Amino acid sequence: MRNLDNGSVAASLDATGLVASALTGMAGPPAGPAGPAHPVGRSRAAGPSAGPLAGPPAGRSRRGRARRAGPPDGAAAQVPYLIVLCGVIAGLALIWQGAHYVRPGTLAVAGALFVAATARLILPEQQAGLLASRRRSIDVTALAILAVGLLVAGLVLPIPW
């Protein structure tokens, strides 16, 4: 504490005041009467006037509601991803068979990526499984661009005789 004008003592900063001054750039103590930050024996977040930095009461945050609703079982959420993965593996297996199967294999992989883009667009975040890695728009755009590229490549490839 330091002396201000006329010998008065500045109100001491509690932890919340330090945080508030750091976040808002305020110089000096927070507005309000000087004294203890909260009554003895009662936590600050317990009261109705906990302040803007206290956050919502326990169990009432958005994250808590989403967690309580719960995503489906791990295996159930991964079904769209597994379907796409099987399509890609089938397309790669076709390509592996030889030169005559490159076009159908490429078209199969493109079709699997179109299915992935559609599933990511339609399904909610919790049910998309591993198809959801970024924002929905970015995922759908990336999958659609890859699918279109493979579709064009598969259609342009010459058929070996």
Protein backbone atom coordinates (compact mmCIF):
# COMPACT_ATOMS: atom_id res chain seq x y z
CA MET A 1 0.00 0.00 0.00
CA ARG A 2 1.17 3.49 -0.64
CA ASN A 3 0.11 6.91 0.55
CA LEU A 4 -1.90 9.09 -1.75
CA ASP A 5 -2.79 12.75 -1.34
CA ASN A 6 -3.57 14.00 2.20
CA GLY A 7 -2.10 10.86 3.77
CA SER A 8 -4.95 8.54 2.88
CA VAL A 9 -4.15 4.92 2.18
CA ALA A 10 -5.19 3.45 -1.17
CA ALA A 11 -7.59 0.55 -1.10
CA SER A 12 -5.68 -2.67 -1.39
CA LEU A 13 -6.09 -4.72 -4.53
CA ASP A 14 -7.40 -8.21 -4.06
CA ALA A 15 -6.78 -10.96 -6.61
CA THR A 16 -9.87 -10.00 -8.61
CA GLY A 17 -8.76 -6.40 -8.75
CA LEU A 18 -5.37 -7.44 -10.10
CA VAL A 19 -6.98 -9.62 -12.74
CA ALA A 20 -9.49 -6.92 -13.66
CA SER A 21 -6.77 -4.31 -13.95
CA ALA A 22 -4.68 -6.65 -16.10
CA LEU A 23 -7.60 -7.48 -18.40
CA THR A 24 -9.13 -4.04 -18.72
CA GLY A 25 -5.98 -1.96 -18.50
CA MET A 26 -7.36 0.02 -15.56
CA ALA A 27 -4.78 1.71 -13.42
CA GLY A 28 -5.56 1.53 -9.73
CA PRO A 29 -7.99 -0.33 -7.56
CA PRO A 30 -11.43 -1.39 -8.76
CA ALA A 31 -14.35 0.90 -8.05
CA GLY A 32 -16.28 0.19 -4.88
CA PRO A 33 -15.77 0.34 -1.15
CA ALA A 34 -12.48 -0.74 0.30
CA GLY A 35 -12.53 -3.72 2.59
CA PRO A 36 -12.51 -7.46 2.44
CA ALA A 37 -13.25 -8.95 -0.97
CA HIS A 38 -15.91 -11.28 0.44
CA PRO A 39 -17.29 -12.24 3.82
CA VAL A 40 -15.24 -14.68 5.83
CA GLY A 41 -16.35 -18.30 5.48
CA ARG A 42 -18.30 -17.73 2.26
CA SER A 43 -16.80 -18.19 -1.17
CA ARG A 44 -17.10 -15.48 -3.74
CA ALA A 45 -18.76 -17.67 -6.40
CA ALA A 46 -21.43 -18.85 -3.95
CA GLY A 47 -23.24 -15.54 -3.75
CA PRO A 48 -25.59 -14.05 -6.33
CA SER A 49 -23.33 -11.02 -6.71
CA ALA A 50 -20.24 -13.00 -7.62
CA GLY A 51 -19.27 -10.52 -10.32
CA PRO A 52 -18.59 -10.76 -14.03
CA LEU A 53 -15.38 -12.76 -13.67
CA ALA A 54 -16.90 -15.56 -11.60
CA GLY A 55 -18.58 -17.36 -14.54
CA PRO A 56 -21.78 -19.38 -14.52
CA PRO A 57 -22.60 -21.59 -11.54
CA ALA A 58 -21.37 -25.16 -11.64
CA GLY A 59 -23.33 -27.39 -13.99
CA ARG A 60 -24.89 -24.55 -15.96
CA SER A 61 -22.28 -23.87 -18.60
CA ARG A 62 -22.82 -24.73 -22.24
CA ARG A 63 -20.08 -27.27 -22.08
CA GLY A 64 -21.71 -28.97 -19.10
CA ARG A 65 -25.04 -29.26 -20.92
CA ALA A 66 -23.41 -30.69 -24.01
CA ARG A 67 -21.45 -33.15 -21.91
CA ARG A 68 -24.56 -34.26 -20.01
CA ALA A 69 -26.47 -34.80 -23.24
CA GLY A 70 -23.48 -36.87 -24.29
CA PRO A 71 -22.36 -37.89 -27.71
CA PRO A 72 -23.40 -41.32 -28.90
CA ASP A 73 -21.17 -44.28 -28.13
CA GLY A 74 -17.72 -44.12 -29.68
CA ALA A 75 -18.49 -46.86 -32.21
CA ALA A 76 -21.83 -45.34 -33.21
CA ALA A 77 -20.26 -41.94 -33.86
CA GLN A 78 -17.60 -43.50 -36.09
CA VAL A 79 -20.00 -45.30 -38.48
CA PRO A 80 -19.92 -42.54 -41.16
CA TYR A 81 -16.13 -42.44 -40.99
CA LEU A 82 -15.90 -46.23 -41.26
CA ILE A 83 -18.19 -46.25 -44.31
CA VAL A 84 -16.00 -43.66 -46.03
CA LEU A 85 -12.85 -45.52 -45.01
CA CYS A 86 -14.21 -48.78 -46.49
CA GLY A 87 -15.01 -46.97 -49.75
CA VAL A 88 -11.52 -45.52 -49.99
CA ILE A 89 -9.93 -48.90 -49.21
CA ALA A 90 -12.12 -50.58 -51.85
CA GLY A 91 -11.09 -47.97 -54.43
CA LEU A 92 -7.41 -48.37 -53.59
CA ALA A 93 -7.77 -52.15 -53.79
CA LEU A 94 -9.23 -51.77 -57.28
CA ILE A 95 -6.36 -49.51 -58.33
CA TRP A 96 -3.89 -52.05 -56.96
CA GLN A 97 -5.30 -54.78 -59.27
CA GLY A 98 -3.73 -53.32 -62.36
CA ALA A 99 -3.91 -50.71 -65.09
CA HIS A 100 -7.39 -51.72 -66.23
CA TYR A 101 -8.83 -50.92 -62.81
CA VAL A 102 -7.28 -47.49 -62.25
CA ARG A 103 -10.29 -45.58 -63.59
CA PRO A 104 -12.96 -47.45 -61.59
CA GLY A 105 -10.76 -47.34 -58.50
CA THR A 106 -10.25 -43.58 -58.81
CA LEU A 107 -13.97 -43.06 -59.32
CA ALA A 108 -14.69 -45.22 -56.24
CA VAL A 109 -12.36 -43.10 -54.09
CA ALA A 110 -13.99 -39.93 -55.48
CA GLY A 111 -17.42 -41.34 -54.65
CA ALA A 112 -16.29 -42.15 -51.09
CA LEU A 113 -15.07 -38.56 -50.67
CA PHE A 114 -18.41 -37.23 -51.96
CA VAL A 115 -20.13 -39.42 -49.36
CA ALA A 116 -17.78 -38.00 -46.71
CA ALA A 117 -18.55 -34.41 -47.74
CA THR A 118 -22.29 -35.10 -47.71
CA ALA A 119 -22.13 -36.83 -44.32
CA ARG A 120 -20.12 -33.96 -42.85
CA LEU A 121 -22.63 -31.46 -44.23
CA ILE A 122 -25.72 -33.28 -42.96
CA LEU A 123 -24.68 -34.87 -39.66
CA PRO A 124 -24.41 -32.89 -36.42
CA GLU A 125 -20.98 -32.41 -34.88
CA GLN A 126 -21.40 -35.19 -32.30
CA GLN A 127 -22.41 -37.79 -34.89
CA ALA A 128 -19.81 -36.96 -37.55
CA GLY A 129 -17.05 -38.74 -35.66
CA LEU A 130 -13.62 -38.40 -37.20
CA LEU A 131 -15.06 -36.65 -40.26
CA ALA A 132 -15.33 -33.52 -38.08
CA SER A 133 -11.83 -32.16 -37.67
CA ARG A 134 -12.35 -28.45 -38.39
CA ARG A 135 -15.26 -26.13 -38.95
CA ARG A 136 -18.02 -27.69 -41.02
CA SER A 137 -17.53 -25.37 -43.99
CA ILE A 138 -13.81 -26.08 -44.20
CA ASP A 139 -14.30 -29.86 -43.92
CA VAL A 140 -17.02 -29.96 -46.59
CA THR A 141 -15.05 -27.69 -48.95
CA ALA A 142 -11.83 -29.70 -48.61
CA LEU A 143 -13.58 -33.04 -49.11
CA ALA A 144 -15.56 -31.74 -52.09
CA ILE A 145 -12.46 -30.30 -53.77
CA LEU A 146 -10.60 -33.59 -53.34
CA ALA A 147 -13.60 -35.54 -54.66
CA VAL A 148 -13.98 -33.32 -57.71
CA GLY A 149 -10.25 -33.53 -58.42
CA LEU A 150 -10.30 -37.31 -58.30
CA LEU A 151 -13.48 -37.44 -60.37
CA VAL A 152 -11.91 -35.31 -63.09
CA ALA A 153 -8.69 -37.35 -62.95
CA GLY A 154 -10.66 -40.58 -63.18
CA LEU A 155 -12.64 -39.38 -66.17
CA VAL A 156 -9.62 -37.98 -68.00
CA LEU A 157 -7.39 -41.02 -67.52
CA PRO A 158 -6.89 -42.96 -70.75
CA ILE A 159 -8.16 -46.54 -70.81
CA PRO A 160 -5.27 -48.93 -71.54
CA TRP A 161 -6.05 -51.56 -74.20
